[in-house]
Amino acid sequence: MLIRFDRHYASRTGFGRPLVGSTFTVALAAAQSVIPNRGWNGVRLPAPVFEGDAIYSQSEVLHFPGVSGPEPEGPGGGV
């Protein structure tokens, strides 16, 4: 845990600086999604995250219950 909060400790690790916790990283990615995620299959954290890093996420809607066919048009249509 010190690697996330203690700059002096983190400076002596292989990362050289404090890491951002993976729980925060996943929560941030979830907040970037328009549709609530109901499953986390395939979540990957391919690299450590540091303070100031840009976080990019991508979601794919595989099924939207109660909706079929093309996206509705007009006010309130779609997501």
N, C-alpha and C. Protein backbone atom coordinates (compact mmCIF):
# COMPACT_ATOMS: atom_id res chain seq x y z
N MET A 1 0.80 -1.20 0.00
CA MET A 1 0.00 0.00 0.00
C MET A 1 0.85 1.27 0.00
N LEU A 2 2.01 1.22 0.59
CA LEU A 2 2.85 2.42 0.66
C LEU A 2 3.21 2.94 -0.72
N ILE A 3 3.26 2.04 -1.70
CA ILE A 3 3.65 2.47 -3.05
C ILE A 3 2.61 3.43 -3.65
N ARG A 4 1.42 3.48 -3.07
CA ARG A 4 0.38 4.38 -3.57
C ARG A 4 0.37 5.73 -2.87
N PHE A 5 0.95 5.80 -1.67
CA PHE A 5 0.81 7.02 -0.87
C PHE A 5 2.12 7.66 -0.44
N ASP A 6 3.16 6.90 -0.39
CA ASP A 6 4.44 7.39 0.15
C ASP A 6 5.43 7.62 -1.00
N ARG A 7 5.63 8.87 -1.38
CA ARG A 7 6.52 9.18 -2.51
C ARG A 7 7.95 8.70 -2.27
N HIS A 8 8.44 8.84 -1.04
CA HIS A 8 9.80 8.41 -0.73
C HIS A 8 9.92 6.89 -0.92
N TYR A 9 8.97 6.13 -0.37
CA TYR A 9 9.00 4.68 -0.52
C TYR A 9 8.90 4.30 -2.00
N ALA A 10 7.94 4.91 -2.71
CA ALA A 10 7.72 4.58 -4.12
C ALA A 10 8.94 4.90 -4.97
N SER A 11 9.69 5.94 -4.61
CA SER A 11 10.87 6.31 -5.39
C SER A 11 11.94 5.24 -5.35
N ARG A 12 11.88 4.36 -4.35
CA ARG A 12 12.88 3.30 -4.22
C ARG A 12 12.41 1.98 -4.83
N THR A 13 11.26 1.98 -5.51
CA THR A 13 10.76 0.77 -6.16
C THR A 13 11.10 0.81 -7.65
N GLY A 14 10.78 -0.25 -8.34
CA GLY A 14 11.02 -0.32 -9.78
C GLY A 14 10.18 0.68 -10.56
N PHE A 15 9.08 1.16 -9.97
CA PHE A 15 8.23 2.13 -10.65
C PHE A 15 8.75 3.56 -10.50
N GLY A 16 9.43 3.83 -9.41
CA GLY A 16 10.04 5.13 -9.20
C GLY A 16 9.13 6.25 -8.71
N ARG A 17 7.85 5.99 -8.67
CA ARG A 17 6.88 6.99 -8.20
C ARG A 17 5.59 6.28 -7.78
N PRO A 18 4.71 6.97 -7.06
CA PRO A 18 3.48 6.31 -6.57
C PRO A 18 2.57 5.83 -7.69
N LEU A 19 1.96 4.69 -7.46
CA LEU A 19 0.99 4.12 -8.39
C LEU A 19 -0.41 4.58 -8.01
N VAL A 20 -1.30 4.68 -9.00
CA VAL A 20 -2.72 4.89 -8.74
C VAL A 20 -3.32 3.50 -8.53
N GLY A 21 -4.16 3.35 -7.52
CA GLY A 21 -4.77 2.05 -7.22
C GLY A 21 -5.65 1.55 -8.35
N SER A 22 -5.61 0.24 -8.58
CA SER A 22 -6.40 -0.35 -9.67
C SER A 22 -7.90 -0.21 -9.43
N THR A 23 -8.33 -0.18 -8.17
CA THR A 23 -9.76 0.01 -7.89
C THR A 23 -10.22 1.36 -8.41
N PHE A 24 -9.42 2.39 -8.20
CA PHE A 24 -9.76 3.72 -8.72
C PHE A 24 -9.75 3.72 -10.24
N THR A 25 -8.77 3.06 -10.84
CA THR A 25 -8.67 3.01 -12.30
C THR A 25 -9.91 2.36 -12.91
N VAL A 26 -10.36 1.23 -12.36
CA VAL A 26 -11.55 0.54 -12.87
C VAL A 26 -12.79 1.39 -12.63
N ALA A 27 -12.90 2.03 -11.47
CA ALA A 27 -14.05 2.89 -11.20
C ALA A 27 -14.11 4.07 -12.17
N LEU A 28 -12.98 4.63 -12.50
CA LEU A 28 -12.93 5.74 -13.45
C LEU A 28 -13.36 5.28 -14.83
N ALA A 29 -12.90 4.12 -15.25
CA ALA A 29 -13.31 3.58 -16.55
C ALA A 29 -14.81 3.32 -16.58
N ALA A 30 -15.37 2.83 -15.49
CA ALA A 30 -16.81 2.60 -15.42
C ALA A 30 -17.57 3.91 -15.51
N ALA A 31 -17.07 4.94 -14.88
CA ALA A 31 -17.73 6.25 -14.91
C ALA A 31 -17.69 6.87 -16.30
N GLN A 32 -16.72 6.49 -17.12
CA GLN A 32 -16.62 7.02 -18.48
C GLN A 32 -17.62 6.36 -19.42
N SER A 33 -18.24 5.28 -19.00
CA SER A 33 -19.18 4.54 -19.84
C SER A 33 -20.57 5.16 -19.76
N VAL A 34 -21.25 5.28 -20.89
CA VAL A 34 -22.62 5.80 -20.91
C VAL A 34 -23.59 4.77 -20.39
N ILE A 35 -23.36 3.53 -20.72
CA ILE A 35 -24.22 2.43 -20.32
C ILE A 35 -23.62 1.76 -19.08
N PRO A 36 -24.44 1.50 -18.06
CA PRO A 36 -23.89 0.80 -16.88
C PRO A 36 -23.34 -0.57 -17.26
N ASN A 37 -22.17 -0.87 -16.81
CA ASN A 37 -21.57 -2.18 -17.07
C ASN A 37 -22.12 -3.19 -16.08
N ARG A 38 -22.62 -4.30 -16.61
CA ARG A 38 -23.17 -5.34 -15.75
C ARG A 38 -22.24 -6.54 -15.66
N GLY A 39 -21.15 -6.46 -16.33
CA GLY A 39 -20.17 -7.54 -16.30
C GLY A 39 -18.80 -6.98 -16.62
N TRP A 40 -17.79 -7.62 -16.12
CA TRP A 40 -16.44 -7.12 -16.32
C TRP A 40 -15.57 -8.16 -17.01
N ASN A 41 -16.15 -8.94 -17.89
CA ASN A 41 -15.36 -9.92 -18.64
C ASN A 41 -14.38 -9.18 -19.54
N GLY A 42 -13.16 -9.56 -19.47
CA GLY A 42 -12.17 -8.97 -20.36
C GLY A 42 -11.57 -7.65 -19.89
N VAL A 43 -11.80 -7.28 -18.64
CA VAL A 43 -11.17 -6.05 -18.14
C VAL A 43 -9.67 -6.29 -18.08
N ARG A 44 -8.93 -5.36 -18.66
CA ARG A 44 -7.47 -5.46 -18.64
C ARG A 44 -6.88 -4.16 -18.15
N LEU A 45 -5.88 -4.28 -17.34
CA LEU A 45 -5.10 -3.13 -16.89
C LEU A 45 -3.68 -3.40 -17.36
N PRO A 46 -3.37 -3.04 -18.62
CA PRO A 46 -2.12 -3.47 -19.25
C PRO A 46 -0.85 -2.78 -18.76
N ALA A 47 -1.00 -1.70 -18.02
CA ALA A 47 0.20 -0.98 -17.57
C ALA A 47 -0.11 -0.26 -16.26
N PRO A 48 0.92 0.03 -15.49
CA PRO A 48 0.67 0.79 -14.26
C PRO A 48 0.16 2.20 -14.59
N VAL A 49 -0.62 2.76 -13.67
CA VAL A 49 -1.16 4.11 -13.85
C VAL A 49 -0.53 5.00 -12.79
N PHE A 50 -0.08 6.18 -13.23
CA PHE A 50 0.55 7.15 -12.34
C PHE A 50 -0.27 8.43 -12.33
N GLU A 51 -0.09 9.23 -11.29
CA GLU A 51 -0.75 10.52 -11.18
C GLU A 51 -0.48 11.34 -12.45
N GLY A 52 -1.54 11.90 -13.02
CA GLY A 52 -1.41 12.72 -14.22
C GLY A 52 -1.58 11.97 -15.52
N ASP A 53 -1.62 10.64 -15.47
CA ASP A 53 -1.81 9.85 -16.70
C ASP A 53 -3.23 10.05 -17.25
N ALA A 54 -3.38 10.00 -18.55
CA ALA A 54 -4.69 10.02 -19.20
C ALA A 54 -5.24 8.60 -19.19
N ILE A 55 -6.51 8.47 -18.88
CA ILE A 55 -7.15 7.15 -18.85
C ILE A 55 -8.15 7.09 -20.00
N TYR A 56 -8.04 6.08 -20.83
CA TYR A 56 -8.96 5.86 -21.93
C TYR A 56 -9.65 4.53 -21.69
N SER A 57 -10.95 4.49 -21.98
CA SER A 57 -11.68 3.23 -21.83
C SER A 57 -12.60 3.05 -23.03
N GLN A 58 -13.04 1.83 -23.22
CA GLN A 58 -13.89 1.50 -24.36
C GLN A 58 -14.91 0.48 -23.89
N SER A 59 -16.16 0.67 -24.27
CA SER A 59 -17.23 -0.27 -23.94
C SER A 59 -17.93 -0.67 -25.22
N GLU A 60 -18.45 -1.86 -25.24
CA GLU A 60 -19.22 -2.34 -26.37
C GLU A 60 -20.56 -2.86 -25.84
N VAL A 61 -21.66 -2.34 -26.37
CA VAL A 61 -22.99 -2.78 -25.97
C VAL A 61 -23.31 -4.03 -26.78
N LEU A 62 -23.46 -5.15 -26.09
CA LEU A 62 -23.77 -6.41 -26.76
C LEU A 62 -25.26 -6.69 -26.77
N HIS A 63 -25.95 -6.17 -25.77
CA HIS A 63 -27.39 -6.38 -25.66
C HIS A 63 -27.97 -5.27 -24.81
N PHE A 64 -29.09 -4.73 -25.24
CA PHE A 64 -29.78 -3.70 -24.47
C PHE A 64 -31.20 -4.20 -24.28
N PRO A 65 -31.55 -4.70 -23.08
CA PRO A 65 -32.86 -5.31 -22.85
C PRO A 65 -34.02 -4.39 -23.25
N GLY A 66 -34.99 -4.95 -23.95
CA GLY A 66 -36.18 -4.19 -24.31
C GLY A 66 -36.05 -3.36 -25.57
N VAL A 67 -34.91 -3.39 -26.22
CA VAL A 67 -34.70 -2.60 -27.43
C VAL A 67 -34.29 -3.52 -28.55
N SER A 68 -34.97 -3.40 -29.67
CA SER A 68 -34.56 -4.16 -30.85
C SER A 68 -34.72 -3.26 -32.07
N GLY A 69 -34.00 -3.55 -33.09
CA GLY A 69 -34.08 -2.77 -34.31
C GLY A 69 -33.20 -1.55 -34.26
N PRO A 70 -33.36 -0.64 -35.22
CA PRO A 70 -32.52 0.54 -35.29
C PRO A 70 -32.77 1.49 -34.11
N GLU A 71 -31.79 2.33 -33.87
CA GLU A 71 -31.89 3.29 -32.77
C GLU A 71 -33.02 4.29 -33.04
N PRO A 72 -33.87 4.55 -32.03
CA PRO A 72 -34.97 5.52 -32.22
C PRO A 72 -34.43 6.90 -32.54
N GLU A 73 -35.20 7.67 -33.30
CA GLU A 73 -34.79 9.02 -33.65
C GLU A 73 -35.63 10.03 -32.89
N GLY A 74 -35.21 11.27 -32.88
CA GLY A 74 -35.98 12.34 -32.26
C GLY A 74 -35.58 12.58 -30.82
N PRO A 75 -36.25 13.54 -30.17
CA PRO A 75 -35.94 13.86 -28.77
C PRO A 75 -36.10 12.65 -27.85
N GLY A 76 -35.10 12.42 -27.06
CA GLY A 76 -35.15 11.30 -26.12
C GLY A 76 -34.83 9.96 -26.75
N GLY A 77 -34.62 9.92 -28.06
CA GLY A 77 -34.33 8.67 -28.73
C GLY A 77 -32.86 8.27 -28.54
N GLY A 78 -32.64 7.01 -28.42
CA GLY A 78 -31.26 6.53 -28.23
C GLY A 78 -30.76 6.77 -26.84
N VAL A 79 -29.50 6.58 -26.67
CA VAL A 79 -28.87 6.75 -25.36
C VAL A 79 -28.04 8.00 -25.37
